[in-house]
N, C-alpha and C. Protein backbone atom coordinates (compact mmCIF):
# COMPACT_ATOMS: atom_id res chain seq x y z
N MET A 1 37.28 135.91 160.07
CA MET A 1 39.24 135.48 160.51
C MET A 1 39.11 136.28 161.37
N ARG A 2 40.23 135.94 162.43
CA ARG A 2 40.83 136.37 163.65
C ARG A 2 42.08 136.42 163.30
N ILE A 3 42.43 137.43 164.24
CA ILE A 3 44.63 137.75 163.93
C ILE A 3 44.72 138.12 165.23
N ASP A 4 45.21 137.35 165.97
CA ASP A 4 45.87 137.86 167.34
C ASP A 4 47.15 138.76 166.71
N VAL A 5 47.28 139.73 167.87
CA VAL A 5 48.67 140.12 167.68
C VAL A 5 49.25 140.89 169.15
N GLN A 6 50.18 141.32 169.50
CA GLN A 6 50.48 141.49 170.65
C GLN A 6 51.52 143.23 170.56
N MET A 7 50.72 144.16 170.97
CA MET A 7 51.56 145.05 170.44
C MET A 7 52.05 145.85 171.63
N ARG A 8 53.67 146.27 171.77
CA ARG A 8 54.46 146.27 173.10
C ARG A 8 54.16 148.10 172.93
N THR A 9 54.77 148.28 174.08
CA THR A 9 54.62 149.79 174.62
C THR A 9 54.90 150.84 173.37
N PHE A 10 56.23 150.08 173.04
CA PHE A 10 56.95 151.10 171.75
C PHE A 10 55.84 151.49 170.49
N HIS A 11 55.22 150.25 170.26
CA HIS A 11 54.12 150.62 169.27
C HIS A 11 53.27 151.44 169.70
N ILE A 12 52.60 151.49 170.64
CA ILE A 12 51.34 151.91 170.76
C ILE A 12 51.82 153.63 170.94
N GLN A 13 53.04 153.96 171.73
CA GLN A 13 53.48 154.96 172.32
C GLN A 13 54.01 155.40 170.80
N SER A 14 54.25 154.78 169.64
CA SER A 14 54.37 155.28 168.13
C SER A 14 53.25 156.02 167.53
N VAL A 15 52.46 154.75 167.62
CA VAL A 15 51.26 155.28 167.22
C VAL A 15 50.27 156.67 167.17
N PHE A 16 50.23 156.71 168.84
CA PHE A 16 50.08 158.06 169.37
C PHE A 16 50.38 159.51 169.22
N ASP A 17 52.24 158.74 169.01
CA ASP A 17 52.84 159.90 168.19
C ASP A 17 52.53 160.62 166.87
N TYR A 18 52.76 159.13 166.11
CA TYR A 18 52.21 159.16 164.74
C TYR A 18 51.02 160.04 164.28
N VAL A 19 50.22 160.20 165.42
CA VAL A 19 48.59 161.04 164.98
C VAL A 19 48.77 161.95 165.24
N LEU A 20 49.45 162.20 166.79
CA LEU A 20 49.51 163.52 167.45
C LEU A 20 50.37 164.91 166.55
N THR A 21 51.57 163.87 166.18
CA THR A 21 52.50 164.84 165.62
C THR A 21 52.02 165.36 163.91
N GLU A 22 50.84 164.47 163.26
CA GLU A 22 50.50 164.56 161.97
C GLU A 22 51.31 164.30 161.36
N ALA A 23 52.10 163.07 161.76
CA ALA A 23 53.61 162.49 161.18
C ALA A 23 53.07 161.36 159.22
N TYR A 24 51.88 161.63 159.56
CA TYR A 24 51.27 160.59 158.62
C TYR A 24 50.73 161.30 157.17
N LYS A 25 50.72 162.81 157.50
CA LYS A 25 51.19 163.80 156.49
C LYS A 25 52.32 163.32 155.27
N THR A 26 53.29 163.49 155.78
CA THR A 26 54.69 163.34 155.46
C THR A 26 55.27 161.44 155.42
N GLU A 27 55.02 161.16 156.11
CA GLU A 27 55.48 159.46 156.19
C GLU A 27 54.20 158.52 156.20
N LYS A 28 53.79 158.30 154.69
CA LYS A 28 52.67 157.14 154.59
C LYS A 28 52.67 156.22 155.04
N ASN A 29 53.95 155.72 155.10
CA ASN A 29 54.54 153.96 155.50
C ASN A 29 54.47 153.96 156.84
N PHE A 30 53.92 153.69 157.79
CA PHE A 30 53.66 153.47 159.29
C PHE A 30 54.83 152.87 159.75
N GLN A 31 55.25 151.73 159.13
CA GLN A 31 56.52 150.95 159.38
C GLN A 31 58.13 151.77 159.00
N ARG A 32 57.60 152.73 158.06
CA ARG A 32 58.97 153.14 158.34
C ARG A 32 59.28 154.69 158.85
N TYR A 33 58.09 154.74 159.41
CA TYR A 33 57.99 156.30 160.39
C TYR A 33 58.65 155.42 161.96
N ILE A 34 58.17 154.10 162.03
CA ILE A 34 58.36 153.37 163.14
C ILE A 34 60.12 153.44 163.57
N SER A 35 60.72 153.07 162.16
CA SER A 35 62.33 152.65 161.87
C SER A 35 62.71 153.78 162.41
N ALA A 36 62.12 154.84 161.67
CA ALA A 36 63.42 156.61 161.61
C ALA A 36 62.64 156.61 163.51
N ARG A 37 61.97 156.75 163.90
CA ARG A 37 61.59 157.11 165.36
C ARG A 37 62.87 156.24 166.56
N ALA A 38 62.42 155.17 165.46
CA ALA A 38 63.43 154.31 166.78
C ALA A 38 64.74 154.32 166.54
N ASP A 39 65.27 154.76 165.61
CA ASP A 39 66.90 155.59 165.41
C ASP A 39 67.11 156.46 165.86
N LYS A 40 65.84 157.49 166.20
CA LYS A 40 66.31 159.16 166.51
C LYS A 40 66.01 158.95 168.01
N ILE A 41 65.48 158.15 168.49
CA ILE A 41 65.24 157.46 170.10
C ILE A 41 66.66 157.25 170.61
N ARG A 42 67.27 155.92 169.89
CA ARG A 42 68.38 155.25 170.13
C ARG A 42 69.60 156.83 170.00
N GLU A 43 69.55 157.39 168.78
CA GLU A 43 70.29 158.21 168.73
C GLU A 43 70.29 159.16 170.31
N GLU A 44 69.25 159.29 170.76
CA GLU A 44 69.54 160.25 172.43
C GLU A 44 69.89 159.15 172.96
N GLY A 45 70.53 157.88 173.21
CA GLY A 45 70.73 157.43 174.09
C GLY A 45 69.85 156.18 174.96
N ILE A 46 68.64 156.49 173.82
CA ILE A 46 67.96 155.47 175.07
C ILE A 46 67.41 154.11 174.38
N ASP A 47 67.22 153.55 174.79
CA ASP A 47 67.12 152.02 174.26
C ASP A 47 65.65 151.96 174.32
N THR A 48 65.69 151.08 172.58
CA THR A 48 64.10 151.02 171.86
C THR A 48 64.12 149.41 172.35
N ASP A 49 64.68 148.05 172.97
CA ASP A 49 64.19 147.07 172.82
C ASP A 49 63.10 146.90 173.49
N ILE A 50 62.12 146.55 172.64
CA ILE A 50 60.76 146.22 172.62
C ILE A 50 60.26 144.91 173.34
N TRP A 51 61.12 144.13 173.70
CA TRP A 51 60.96 143.14 174.25
C TRP A 51 61.37 143.10 175.83
N ALA A 52 62.02 144.43 176.14
CA ALA A 52 62.65 144.77 177.32
C ALA A 52 61.50 145.03 178.31
N TYR A 53 60.61 146.02 177.96
CA TYR A 53 59.59 146.10 178.66
C TYR A 53 58.01 145.87 178.08
């Protein structure tokens, strides 16, 4: 089986952040981690529109 996927910059950066900060130890669900990370970034006034870049 083959699954094609396109990972955007935000997701790649989130994977690295998830591992480097060891967030996987406290948040087991990566999708929830991405959502929380996006919320935090938006609160700082930074756009997280993954389709824009």
